[in-house]
Amino acid sequence: MNPVISLDVAKGENQVQAFLEKKKPYKKSFKVAHTLEGLHELHAFIREVEEFTDSKPPIVLESTGHYHMPVVQYFEKRGYLLIIVNPLISYKAKSSSLRKVKTDVIDAYHLCELYYKEDLEPCKKRGIHLLNLRNLTRQHENLTGMFVQSKLQFQSVLDQVFPEYVGVFGELYSNVSLLTLLAYPTSKDILEAGEEVIP
């Protein structure tokens, strides 16, 4: 036998389907929660398939951003082969089917069929440290983008409200510059304060 387990991963739950071999589904599809109890329940089902077929089935799932990561880590630790499919590949396979209905049950079924049709490569183990580093890098990139956008918006408003201010300080965003601007937000405020207050 050539068994496979497919998971249609969504936020908070997995739709599970098992095949014993090509065109031979095993039991009905069912859902498990993205909790430790749910993953234990899924593992018990996979062990059942293992005992029935006398082989350790690979687990096929779509890449879903971050929703699939706990599942991958749980089963990697237990020595399972994981195959993470690019959503474009599975979408193309599903779109060739006559049935265009989108349900989690059908999607899980299609992933099993895809396993037998395509030469899918197993997921490369990246390790928790590398995954954390990748997530931190993405967060840093997002925060940097927000920071740059805020500075551009600030400069745009300043050009409209107080255009003479740009160039007064060597560094527009220095503490001295920003505190001065906070105390005197317009050119009128500067003129009214006078040279005695602002040397």
N, C-alpha and C. Protein backbone atom coordinates (compact mmCIF):
# COMPACT_ATOMS: atom_id res chain seq x y z
N MET A 1 0.84 -1.20 0.00
CA MET A 1 0.00 0.00 0.00
C MET A 1 0.88 1.25 0.00
N ASN A 2 0.27 2.35 -0.45
CA ASN A 2 0.99 3.62 -0.54
C ASN A 2 0.12 4.72 0.08
N PRO A 3 0.02 4.75 1.42
CA PRO A 3 -0.92 5.67 2.06
C PRO A 3 -0.42 7.12 2.07
N VAL A 4 -1.36 8.03 2.24
CA VAL A 4 -1.04 9.46 2.37
C VAL A 4 -2.13 10.11 3.23
N ILE A 5 -1.72 11.11 3.98
CA ILE A 5 -2.65 11.92 4.77
C ILE A 5 -2.60 13.34 4.21
N SER A 6 -3.76 13.92 3.95
CA SER A 6 -3.77 15.32 3.49
C SER A 6 -4.50 16.18 4.52
N LEU A 7 -4.03 17.40 4.65
CA LEU A 7 -4.63 18.37 5.57
C LEU A 7 -4.96 19.64 4.81
N ASP A 8 -6.21 20.03 4.84
CA ASP A 8 -6.58 21.34 4.33
C ASP A 8 -6.56 22.28 5.55
N VAL A 9 -5.49 23.06 5.65
CA VAL A 9 -5.26 23.86 6.86
C VAL A 9 -5.98 25.20 6.75
N ALA A 10 -6.71 25.54 7.79
CA ALA A 10 -7.36 26.84 7.88
C ALA A 10 -7.03 27.44 9.24
N LYS A 11 -7.54 28.62 9.48
CA LYS A 11 -7.29 29.27 10.77
C LYS A 11 -8.00 28.49 11.87
N GLY A 12 -7.23 27.88 12.74
CA GLY A 12 -7.80 27.20 13.90
C GLY A 12 -8.19 25.75 13.72
N GLU A 13 -8.14 25.22 12.47
CA GLU A 13 -8.54 23.83 12.28
C GLU A 13 -7.96 23.23 11.01
N ASN A 14 -7.95 21.89 10.96
CA ASN A 14 -7.51 21.15 9.78
C ASN A 14 -8.63 20.23 9.32
N GLN A 15 -8.83 20.15 8.02
CA GLN A 15 -9.70 19.13 7.45
C GLN A 15 -8.80 17.99 7.03
N VAL A 16 -9.09 16.79 7.51
CA VAL A 16 -8.20 15.64 7.33
C VAL A 16 -8.81 14.64 6.36
N GLN A 17 -7.98 14.13 5.45
CA GLN A 17 -8.39 13.05 4.54
C GLN A 17 -7.24 12.07 4.43
N ALA A 18 -7.56 10.79 4.43
CA ALA A 18 -6.53 9.75 4.25
C ALA A 18 -6.86 8.89 3.06
N PHE A 19 -5.83 8.50 2.32
CA PHE A 19 -5.94 7.51 1.24
C PHE A 19 -5.01 6.36 1.58
N LEU A 20 -5.47 5.13 1.31
CA LEU A 20 -4.61 3.96 1.50
C LEU A 20 -3.70 3.77 0.29
N GLU A 21 -4.25 4.09 -0.86
CA GLU A 21 -3.50 4.09 -2.12
C GLU A 21 -4.32 4.89 -3.12
N LYS A 22 -3.84 5.00 -4.34
CA LYS A 22 -4.52 5.82 -5.35
C LYS A 22 -5.98 5.40 -5.51
N LYS A 23 -6.87 6.39 -5.48
CA LYS A 23 -8.32 6.21 -5.64
C LYS A 23 -8.94 5.32 -4.56
N LYS A 24 -8.29 5.25 -3.41
CA LYS A 24 -8.83 4.43 -2.32
C LYS A 24 -8.80 5.21 -1.01
N PRO A 25 -9.82 6.08 -0.79
CA PRO A 25 -9.87 6.84 0.46
C PRO A 25 -10.10 5.93 1.66
N TYR A 26 -9.61 6.39 2.80
CA TYR A 26 -9.76 5.64 4.04
C TYR A 26 -10.66 6.43 4.98
N LYS A 27 -11.82 5.90 5.28
CA LYS A 27 -12.80 6.52 6.16
C LYS A 27 -13.24 7.90 5.63
N LYS A 28 -14.09 8.55 6.40
CA LYS A 28 -14.60 9.86 6.00
C LYS A 28 -13.63 10.96 6.43
N SER A 29 -13.67 12.07 5.70
CA SER A 29 -12.90 13.24 6.08
C SER A 29 -13.46 13.81 7.38
N PHE A 30 -12.59 14.39 8.20
CA PHE A 30 -13.04 14.97 9.47
C PHE A 30 -12.17 16.18 9.82
N LYS A 31 -12.60 16.95 10.81
CA LYS A 31 -11.87 18.15 11.22
C LYS A 31 -11.24 17.94 12.59
N VAL A 32 -10.07 18.56 12.76
CA VAL A 32 -9.44 18.62 14.09
C VAL A 32 -9.02 20.06 14.35
N ALA A 33 -9.08 20.44 15.60
CA ALA A 33 -8.72 21.82 15.98
C ALA A 33 -7.22 22.00 16.02
N HIS A 34 -6.78 23.24 15.88
CA HIS A 34 -5.36 23.60 15.99
C HIS A 34 -4.98 23.77 17.46
N THR A 35 -5.22 22.73 18.21
CA THR A 35 -4.83 22.72 19.62
C THR A 35 -3.98 21.48 19.83
N LEU A 36 -3.32 21.42 20.96
CA LEU A 36 -2.50 20.25 21.25
C LEU A 36 -3.37 18.99 21.30
N GLU A 37 -4.58 19.11 21.85
CA GLU A 37 -5.49 17.96 21.90
C GLU A 37 -5.89 17.54 20.49
N GLY A 38 -6.17 18.55 19.62
CA GLY A 38 -6.54 18.25 18.24
C GLY A 38 -5.42 17.56 17.48
N LEU A 39 -4.19 18.02 17.69
CA LEU A 39 -3.05 17.41 17.01
C LEU A 39 -2.78 16.00 17.53
N HIS A 40 -3.03 15.77 18.83
CA HIS A 40 -2.92 14.41 19.39
C HIS A 40 -3.96 13.49 18.74
N GLU A 41 -5.17 14.03 18.56
CA GLU A 41 -6.24 13.25 17.93
C GLU A 41 -5.86 12.90 16.49
N LEU A 42 -5.30 13.87 15.79
CA LEU A 42 -4.85 13.64 14.41
C LEU A 42 -3.73 12.60 14.38
N HIS A 43 -2.81 12.71 15.32
CA HIS A 43 -1.69 11.76 15.39
C HIS A 43 -2.20 10.33 15.64
N ALA A 44 -3.22 10.20 16.49
CA ALA A 44 -3.81 8.89 16.78
C ALA A 44 -4.42 8.30 15.50
N PHE A 45 -5.07 9.15 14.70
CA PHE A 45 -5.66 8.69 13.44
C PHE A 45 -4.56 8.24 12.47
N ILE A 46 -3.48 9.02 12.39
CA ILE A 46 -2.38 8.67 11.49
C ILE A 46 -1.73 7.35 11.93
N ARG A 47 -1.61 7.15 13.24
CA ARG A 47 -1.07 5.88 13.75
C ARG A 47 -1.97 4.70 13.35
N GLU A 48 -3.26 4.96 13.34
CA GLU A 48 -4.23 3.93 12.90
C GLU A 48 -3.99 3.55 11.44
N VAL A 49 -3.75 4.57 10.60
CA VAL A 49 -3.46 4.33 9.18
C VAL A 49 -2.13 3.57 9.05
N GLU A 50 -1.16 3.93 9.86
CA GLU A 50 0.15 3.25 9.86
C GLU A 50 -0.01 1.76 10.15
N GLU A 51 -0.77 1.45 11.19
CA GLU A 51 -0.97 0.05 11.58
C GLU A 51 -1.72 -0.72 10.50
N PHE A 52 -2.69 -0.05 9.88
CA PHE A 52 -3.51 -0.71 8.85
C PHE A 52 -2.71 -1.01 7.60
N THR A 53 -1.79 -0.10 7.24
CA THR A 53 -1.04 -0.24 5.99
C THR A 53 0.38 -0.75 6.20
N ASP A 54 0.82 -0.78 7.45
CA ASP A 54 2.18 -1.20 7.79
C ASP A 54 3.23 -0.28 7.15
N SER A 55 2.91 1.01 7.02
CA SER A 55 3.88 2.00 6.53
C SER A 55 3.51 3.38 7.05
N LYS A 56 4.53 4.22 7.19
CA LYS A 56 4.33 5.57 7.74
C LYS A 56 3.93 6.51 6.60
N PRO A 57 2.70 7.02 6.62
CA PRO A 57 2.25 7.85 5.50
C PRO A 57 2.85 9.26 5.53
N PRO A 58 3.16 9.81 4.36
CA PRO A 58 3.56 11.22 4.31
C PRO A 58 2.33 12.10 4.56
N ILE A 59 2.58 13.33 4.98
CA ILE A 59 1.49 14.29 5.24
C ILE A 59 1.61 15.42 4.23
N VAL A 60 0.54 15.62 3.46
CA VAL A 60 0.52 16.65 2.42
C VAL A 60 -0.38 17.79 2.87
N LEU A 61 0.10 19.02 2.73
CA LEU A 61 -0.70 20.20 3.05
C LEU A 61 -0.26 21.38 2.20
N GLU A 62 -1.15 22.33 2.06
CA GLU A 62 -0.82 23.56 1.32
C GLU A 62 -0.08 24.51 2.23
N SER A 63 0.77 25.33 1.61
CA SER A 63 1.39 26.42 2.34
C SER A 63 0.32 27.47 2.62
N THR A 64 0.19 27.87 3.89
CA THR A 64 -0.87 28.82 4.26
C THR A 64 -0.32 29.98 5.06
N GLY A 65 0.81 30.51 4.68
CA GLY A 65 1.40 31.59 5.46
C GLY A 65 1.94 31.03 6.76
N HIS A 66 1.24 31.30 7.87
CA HIS A 66 1.74 30.82 9.17
C HIS A 66 0.81 29.80 9.83
N TYR A 67 -0.39 29.60 9.30
CA TYR A 67 -1.34 28.69 9.95
C TYR A 67 -0.84 27.26 10.01
N HIS A 68 -0.07 26.84 9.00
CA HIS A 68 0.37 25.44 8.95
C HIS A 68 1.62 25.17 9.81
N MET A 69 2.28 26.21 10.31
CA MET A 69 3.55 26.03 11.01
C MET A 69 3.45 25.15 12.28
N PRO A 70 2.44 25.32 13.15
CA PRO A 70 2.37 24.44 14.33
C PRO A 70 2.21 22.97 13.94
N VAL A 71 1.45 22.72 12.88
CA VAL A 71 1.24 21.34 12.41
C VAL A 71 2.55 20.75 11.93
N VAL A 72 3.29 21.54 11.14
CA VAL A 72 4.57 21.09 10.60
C VAL A 72 5.54 20.77 11.73
N GLN A 73 5.65 21.66 12.71
CA GLN A 73 6.58 21.45 13.82
C GLN A 73 6.19 20.22 14.65
N TYR A 74 4.90 20.03 14.87
CA TYR A 74 4.41 18.90 15.66
C TYR A 74 4.81 17.57 15.01
N PHE A 75 4.58 17.46 13.70
CA PHE A 75 4.83 16.18 13.02
C PHE A 75 6.28 16.00 12.60
N GLU A 76 7.02 17.08 12.42
CA GLU A 76 8.46 16.95 12.16
C GLU A 76 9.15 16.31 13.37
N LYS A 77 8.74 16.75 14.56
CA LYS A 77 9.32 16.20 15.80
C LYS A 77 9.05 14.71 15.93
N ARG A 78 7.99 14.24 15.31
CA ARG A 78 7.61 12.83 15.41
C ARG A 78 8.08 12.02 14.19
N GLY A 79 8.94 12.63 13.38
CA GLY A 79 9.60 11.90 12.30
C GLY A 79 8.77 11.65 11.05
N TYR A 80 7.75 12.45 10.81
CA TYR A 80 6.92 12.27 9.61
C TYR A 80 7.48 13.08 8.43
N LEU A 81 7.30 12.53 7.24
CA LEU A 81 7.67 13.23 6.02
C LEU A 81 6.55 14.20 5.69
N LEU A 82 6.87 15.48 5.58
CA LEU A 82 5.87 16.49 5.26
C LEU A 82 6.10 17.05 3.86
N ILE A 83 5.03 17.18 3.12
CA ILE A 83 5.09 17.75 1.77
C ILE A 83 4.20 18.99 1.77
N ILE A 84 4.84 20.15 1.62
CA ILE A 84 4.08 21.41 1.61
C ILE A 84 3.94 21.87 0.16
N VAL A 85 2.70 21.93 -0.29
CA VAL A 85 2.39 22.21 -1.69
C VAL A 85 2.16 23.70 -1.89
N ASN A 86 2.74 24.24 -2.95
CA ASN A 86 2.46 25.62 -3.33
C ASN A 86 0.98 25.73 -3.70
N PRO A 87 0.25 26.71 -3.15
CA PRO A 87 -1.19 26.84 -3.45
C PRO A 87 -1.50 26.96 -4.94
N LEU A 88 -0.57 27.54 -5.71
CA LEU A 88 -0.80 27.66 -7.15
C LEU A 88 -0.86 26.30 -7.83
N ILE A 89 -0.03 25.36 -7.36
CA ILE A 89 -0.02 24.01 -7.94
C ILE A 89 -1.32 23.29 -7.62
N SER A 90 -1.76 23.37 -6.35
CA SER A 90 -3.00 22.69 -5.98
C SER A 90 -4.21 23.35 -6.63
N TYR A 91 -4.17 24.68 -6.79
CA TYR A 91 -5.28 25.38 -7.44
C TYR A 91 -5.39 24.95 -8.90
N LYS A 92 -4.25 24.84 -9.56
CA LYS A 92 -4.24 24.41 -10.96
C LYS A 92 -4.80 23.00 -11.10
N ALA A 93 -4.42 22.12 -10.19
CA ALA A 93 -4.92 20.74 -10.21
C ALA A 93 -6.43 20.70 -9.97
N LYS A 94 -6.90 21.53 -9.02
CA LYS A 94 -8.33 21.56 -8.71
C LYS A 94 -9.14 22.16 -9.85
N SER A 95 -8.58 23.18 -10.52
CA SER A 95 -9.31 23.85 -11.59
C SER A 95 -9.48 22.97 -12.82
N SER A 96 -8.65 21.91 -12.93
CA SER A 96 -8.79 20.98 -14.05
C SER A 96 -9.94 20.01 -13.82
N SER A 97 -10.44 19.96 -12.58
CA SER A 97 -11.57 19.08 -12.25
C SER A 97 -12.87 19.69 -12.75
N LEU A 98 -13.83 18.82 -13.07
CA LEU A 98 -15.14 19.31 -13.53
C LEU A 98 -15.92 19.96 -12.40
N ARG A 99 -15.70 19.47 -11.17
CA ARG A 99 -16.40 20.05 -10.01
C ARG A 99 -15.65 21.28 -9.53
N LYS A 100 -16.32 22.42 -9.57
CA LYS A 100 -15.68 23.68 -9.18
C LYS A 100 -16.06 24.10 -7.76
N VAL A 101 -16.76 23.23 -7.04
CA VAL A 101 -17.20 23.57 -5.69
C VAL A 101 -16.00 23.67 -4.76
N LYS A 102 -15.98 24.73 -3.95
CA LYS A 102 -14.89 24.93 -3.00
C LYS A 102 -15.37 24.59 -1.60
N THR A 103 -14.92 23.44 -1.09
CA THR A 103 -15.18 23.10 0.30
C THR A 103 -13.91 22.50 0.86
N ASP A 104 -13.78 22.56 2.20
CA ASP A 104 -12.59 22.00 2.84
C ASP A 104 -12.47 20.50 2.60
N VAL A 105 -13.62 19.81 2.58
CA VAL A 105 -13.62 18.36 2.38
C VAL A 105 -13.07 18.02 0.99
N ILE A 106 -13.57 18.73 -0.03
CA ILE A 106 -13.12 18.48 -1.40
C ILE A 106 -11.66 18.87 -1.57
N ASP A 107 -11.26 19.97 -0.94
CA ASP A 107 -9.85 20.40 -1.04
C ASP A 107 -8.91 19.37 -0.44
N ALA A 108 -9.28 18.81 0.71
CA ALA A 108 -8.45 17.77 1.34
C ALA A 108 -8.38 16.54 0.45
N TYR A 109 -9.51 16.19 -0.17
CA TYR A 109 -9.57 15.05 -1.09
C TYR A 109 -8.65 15.28 -2.28
N HIS A 110 -8.70 16.50 -2.84
CA HIS A 110 -7.86 16.84 -4.00
C HIS A 110 -6.37 16.78 -3.68
N LEU A 111 -6.02 17.16 -2.45
CA LEU A 111 -4.60 17.10 -2.06
C LEU A 111 -4.09 15.66 -2.08
N CYS A 112 -4.94 14.73 -1.63
CA CYS A 112 -4.55 13.31 -1.70
C CYS A 112 -4.37 12.88 -3.15
N GLU A 113 -5.31 13.26 -4.00
CA GLU A 113 -5.21 12.90 -5.42
C GLU A 113 -3.95 13.50 -6.05
N LEU A 114 -3.65 14.73 -5.66
CA LEU A 114 -2.47 15.42 -6.18
C LEU A 114 -1.19 14.67 -5.83
N TYR A 115 -1.16 14.09 -4.64
CA TYR A 115 0.02 13.33 -4.20
C TYR A 115 0.34 12.19 -5.17
N TYR A 116 -0.69 11.52 -5.67
CA TYR A 116 -0.47 10.39 -6.58
C TYR A 116 -0.20 10.84 -8.02
N LYS A 117 -0.66 12.03 -8.36
CA LYS A 117 -0.47 12.53 -9.74
C LYS A 117 0.87 13.20 -9.96
N GLU A 118 1.30 13.97 -8.97
CA GLU A 118 2.49 14.81 -9.13
C GLU A 118 3.69 14.24 -8.38
N ASP A 119 4.87 14.63 -8.83
CA ASP A 119 6.10 14.25 -8.15
C ASP A 119 6.43 15.37 -7.15
N LEU A 120 5.83 15.29 -5.98
CA LEU A 120 5.96 16.36 -4.98
C LEU A 120 7.20 16.17 -4.14
N GLU A 121 7.87 17.26 -3.86
CA GLU A 121 9.10 17.19 -3.06
C GLU A 121 8.80 17.40 -1.59
N PRO A 122 9.52 16.67 -0.72
CA PRO A 122 9.29 16.85 0.72
C PRO A 122 9.76 18.22 1.20
N CYS A 123 9.17 18.65 2.30
CA CYS A 123 9.52 19.93 2.91
C CYS A 123 10.93 19.85 3.48
N LYS A 124 11.71 20.90 3.23
CA LYS A 124 13.06 20.97 3.80
C LYS A 124 12.96 21.44 5.25
N LYS A 125 13.62 20.72 6.13
CA LYS A 125 13.60 21.11 7.54
C LYS A 125 14.40 22.39 7.73
N ARG A 126 13.76 23.38 8.29
CA ARG A 126 14.44 24.66 8.49
C ARG A 126 14.83 24.89 9.93
N GLY A 127 14.18 24.21 10.84
CA GLY A 127 14.51 24.41 12.25
C GLY A 127 13.82 25.64 12.81
N ILE A 128 13.51 25.60 14.08
CA ILE A 128 12.76 26.67 14.74
C ILE A 128 13.52 27.98 14.76
N HIS A 129 14.87 27.92 14.90
CA HIS A 129 15.65 29.16 14.96
C HIS A 129 15.61 29.89 13.62
N LEU A 130 15.73 29.15 12.54
CA LEU A 130 15.69 29.77 11.21
C LEU A 130 14.31 30.35 10.91
N LEU A 131 13.26 29.63 11.31
CA LEU A 131 11.90 30.13 11.10
C LEU A 131 11.65 31.40 11.91
N ASN A 132 12.13 31.41 13.16
CA ASN A 132 11.99 32.61 13.99
C ASN A 132 12.74 33.78 13.39
N LEU A 133 13.94 33.51 12.87
CA LEU A 133 14.73 34.56 12.25
C LEU A 133 14.03 35.12 11.02
N ARG A 134 13.42 34.23 10.22
CA ARG A 134 12.69 34.68 9.03
C ARG A 134 11.52 35.57 9.43
N ASN A 135 10.77 35.15 10.47
CA ASN A 135 9.63 35.94 10.93
C ASN A 135 10.07 37.31 11.47
N LEU A 136 11.18 37.32 12.22
CA LEU A 136 11.70 38.59 12.74
C LEU A 136 12.14 39.51 11.61
N THR A 137 12.77 38.93 10.59
CA THR A 137 13.22 39.73 9.44
C THR A 137 12.02 40.36 8.73
N ARG A 138 10.95 39.59 8.58
CA ARG A 138 9.74 40.13 7.92
C ARG A 138 9.11 41.22 8.76
N GLN A 139 9.07 41.02 10.08
CA GLN A 139 8.51 42.05 10.96
C GLN A 139 9.35 43.33 10.92
N HIS A 140 10.67 43.15 10.90
CA HIS A 140 11.57 44.30 10.82
C HIS A 140 11.34 45.07 9.52
N GLU A 141 11.18 44.33 8.43
CA GLU A 141 10.94 44.96 7.13
C GLU A 141 9.63 45.74 7.14
N ASN A 142 8.58 45.16 7.73
CA ASN A 142 7.29 45.85 7.82
C ASN A 142 7.37 47.11 8.67
N LEU A 143 8.04 47.01 9.83
CA LEU A 143 8.17 48.17 10.71
C LEU A 143 9.00 49.27 10.06
N THR A 144 10.06 48.87 9.35
CA THR A 144 10.89 49.85 8.64
C THR A 144 10.07 50.57 7.58
N GLY A 145 9.25 49.81 6.86
CA GLY A 145 8.39 50.41 5.84
C GLY A 145 7.41 51.41 6.44
N MET A 146 6.81 51.06 7.59
CA MET A 146 5.89 51.97 8.27
C MET A 146 6.61 53.23 8.74
N PHE A 147 7.84 53.05 9.24
CA PHE A 147 8.64 54.18 9.72
C PHE A 147 8.96 55.15 8.59
N VAL A 148 9.38 54.59 7.46
CA VAL A 148 9.70 55.43 6.29
C VAL A 148 8.45 56.16 5.79
N GLN A 149 7.31 55.46 5.75
CA GLN A 149 6.06 56.07 5.30
C GLN A 149 5.65 57.20 6.23
N SER A 150 5.82 57.02 7.54
CA SER A 150 5.48 58.07 8.51
C SER A 150 6.35 59.31 8.32
N LYS A 151 7.64 59.08 8.06
CA LYS A 151 8.55 60.22 7.84
C LYS A 151 8.17 60.99 6.57
N LEU A 152 7.78 60.26 5.54
CA LEU A 152 7.37 60.91 4.28
C LEU A 152 6.10 61.73 4.48
N GLN A 153 5.14 61.18 5.23
CA GLN A 153 3.90 61.91 5.50
C GLN A 153 4.17 63.14 6.37
N PHE A 154 5.05 62.98 7.35
CA PHE A 154 5.44 64.11 8.21
C PHE A 154 6.06 65.22 7.37
N GLN A 155 6.98 64.87 6.47
CA GLN A 155 7.65 65.85 5.61
C GLN A 155 6.64 66.56 4.70
N SER A 156 5.66 65.79 4.20
CA SER A 156 4.65 66.37 3.32
C SER A 156 3.81 67.42 4.05
N VAL A 157 3.39 67.10 5.29
CA VAL A 157 2.60 68.06 6.08
C VAL A 157 3.45 69.27 6.44
N LEU A 158 4.71 69.04 6.81
CA LEU A 158 5.62 70.13 7.18
C LEU A 158 5.85 71.08 6.00
N ASP A 159 5.97 70.53 4.81
CA ASP A 159 6.16 71.36 3.60
C ASP A 159 4.97 72.28 3.37
N GLN A 160 3.79 71.83 3.78
CA GLN A 160 2.58 72.65 3.59
C GLN A 160 2.39 73.67 4.70
N VAL A 161 2.68 73.26 5.95
CA VAL A 161 2.41 74.11 7.10
C VAL A 161 3.56 75.05 7.43
N PHE A 162 4.78 74.56 7.31
CA PHE A 162 5.96 75.32 7.76
C PHE A 162 7.14 75.03 6.83
N PRO A 163 7.05 75.41 5.55
CA PRO A 163 8.09 75.04 4.57
C PRO A 163 9.47 75.62 4.90
N GLU A 164 9.53 76.74 5.61
CA GLU A 164 10.82 77.36 5.94
C GLU A 164 11.62 76.55 6.95
N TYR A 165 10.94 75.63 7.64
CA TYR A 165 11.60 74.90 8.73
C TYR A 165 12.64 73.91 8.20
N VAL A 166 12.38 73.33 7.03
CA VAL A 166 13.31 72.34 6.46
C VAL A 166 14.64 73.02 6.16
N GLY A 167 15.71 72.49 6.69
CA GLY A 167 17.05 73.07 6.47
C GLY A 167 17.56 73.87 7.64
N VAL A 168 16.68 74.18 8.62
CA VAL A 168 17.12 74.94 9.79
C VAL A 168 18.07 74.09 10.63
N PHE A 169 17.72 72.81 10.80
CA PHE A 169 18.57 71.88 11.54
C PHE A 169 19.24 70.92 10.56
N GLY A 170 20.43 70.51 10.91
CA GLY A 170 21.15 69.56 10.05
C GLY A 170 20.41 68.24 9.94
N GLU A 171 19.77 67.82 11.03
CA GLU A 171 18.99 66.57 11.04
C GLU A 171 17.56 66.92 11.44
N LEU A 172 16.65 66.84 10.47
CA LEU A 172 15.26 67.23 10.69
C LEU A 172 14.61 66.42 11.82
N TYR A 173 14.99 65.15 11.93
CA TYR A 173 14.34 64.26 12.90
C TYR A 173 15.13 64.10 14.20
N SER A 174 16.08 65.00 14.46
CA SER A 174 16.82 64.94 15.73
C SER A 174 15.89 65.39 16.87
N ASN A 175 16.27 65.05 18.11
CA ASN A 175 15.45 65.40 19.27
C ASN A 175 15.26 66.91 19.40
N VAL A 176 16.35 67.67 19.19
CA VAL A 176 16.28 69.13 19.31
C VAL A 176 15.31 69.70 18.28
N SER A 177 15.42 69.22 17.04
CA SER A 177 14.55 69.69 15.96
C SER A 177 13.09 69.39 16.25
N LEU A 178 12.80 68.16 16.67
CA LEU A 178 11.41 67.77 16.91
C LEU A 178 10.83 68.47 18.14
N LEU A 179 11.64 68.68 19.18
CA LEU A 179 11.15 69.40 20.37
C LEU A 179 10.89 70.87 20.05
N THR A 180 11.75 71.46 19.21
CA THR A 180 11.53 72.85 18.78
C THR A 180 10.23 72.97 17.99
N LEU A 181 10.03 72.02 17.09
CA LEU A 181 8.82 72.03 16.27
C LEU A 181 7.57 71.78 17.11
N LEU A 182 7.72 70.98 18.16
CA LEU A 182 6.59 70.73 19.05
C LEU A 182 6.20 72.01 19.80
N ALA A 183 7.21 72.79 20.21
CA ALA A 183 6.94 74.04 20.94
C ALA A 183 6.47 75.15 20.00
N TYR A 184 6.99 75.17 18.77
CA TYR A 184 6.66 76.23 17.80
C TYR A 184 6.27 75.60 16.47
N PRO A 185 5.03 75.13 16.34
CA PRO A 185 4.64 74.36 15.15
C PRO A 185 4.46 75.16 13.87
N THR A 186 4.44 76.52 13.94
CA THR A 186 4.30 77.32 12.72
C THR A 186 5.30 78.47 12.74
N SER A 187 5.48 79.08 11.57
CA SER A 187 6.39 80.23 11.47
C SER A 187 5.86 81.40 12.29
N LYS A 188 4.55 81.53 12.41
CA LYS A 188 3.93 82.60 13.21
C LYS A 188 4.34 82.46 14.68
N ASP A 189 4.36 81.21 15.18
CA ASP A 189 4.76 80.97 16.57
C ASP A 189 6.20 81.38 16.82
N ILE A 190 7.05 81.10 15.84
CA ILE A 190 8.49 81.46 15.94
C ILE A 190 8.62 82.97 16.01
N LEU A 191 7.93 83.69 15.11
CA LEU A 191 8.04 85.16 15.05
C LEU A 191 7.49 85.80 16.32
N GLU A 192 6.40 85.24 16.85
CA GLU A 192 5.82 85.81 18.07
C GLU A 192 6.70 85.58 19.29
N ALA A 193 7.44 84.46 19.31
CA ALA A 193 8.33 84.17 20.43
C ALA A 193 9.48 85.14 20.49
N GLY A 194 10.01 85.53 19.33
CA GLY A 194 11.10 86.52 19.29
C GLY A 194 12.47 85.92 19.55
N GLU A 195 13.52 86.72 19.28
CA GLU A 195 14.90 86.26 19.39
C GLU A 195 15.32 86.06 20.84
N GLU A 196 14.66 86.78 21.78
CA GLU A 196 15.02 86.63 23.18
C GLU A 196 14.75 85.19 23.67
N VAL A 197 13.63 84.60 23.21
CA VAL A 197 13.24 83.26 23.61
C VAL A 197 13.97 82.21 22.78
N ILE A 198 14.10 82.48 21.47
CA ILE A 198 14.76 81.52 20.56
C ILE A 198 16.04 82.17 20.06
N PRO A 199 17.18 81.82 20.63
CA PRO A 199 18.45 82.46 20.20
C PRO A 199 18.85 82.00 18.79
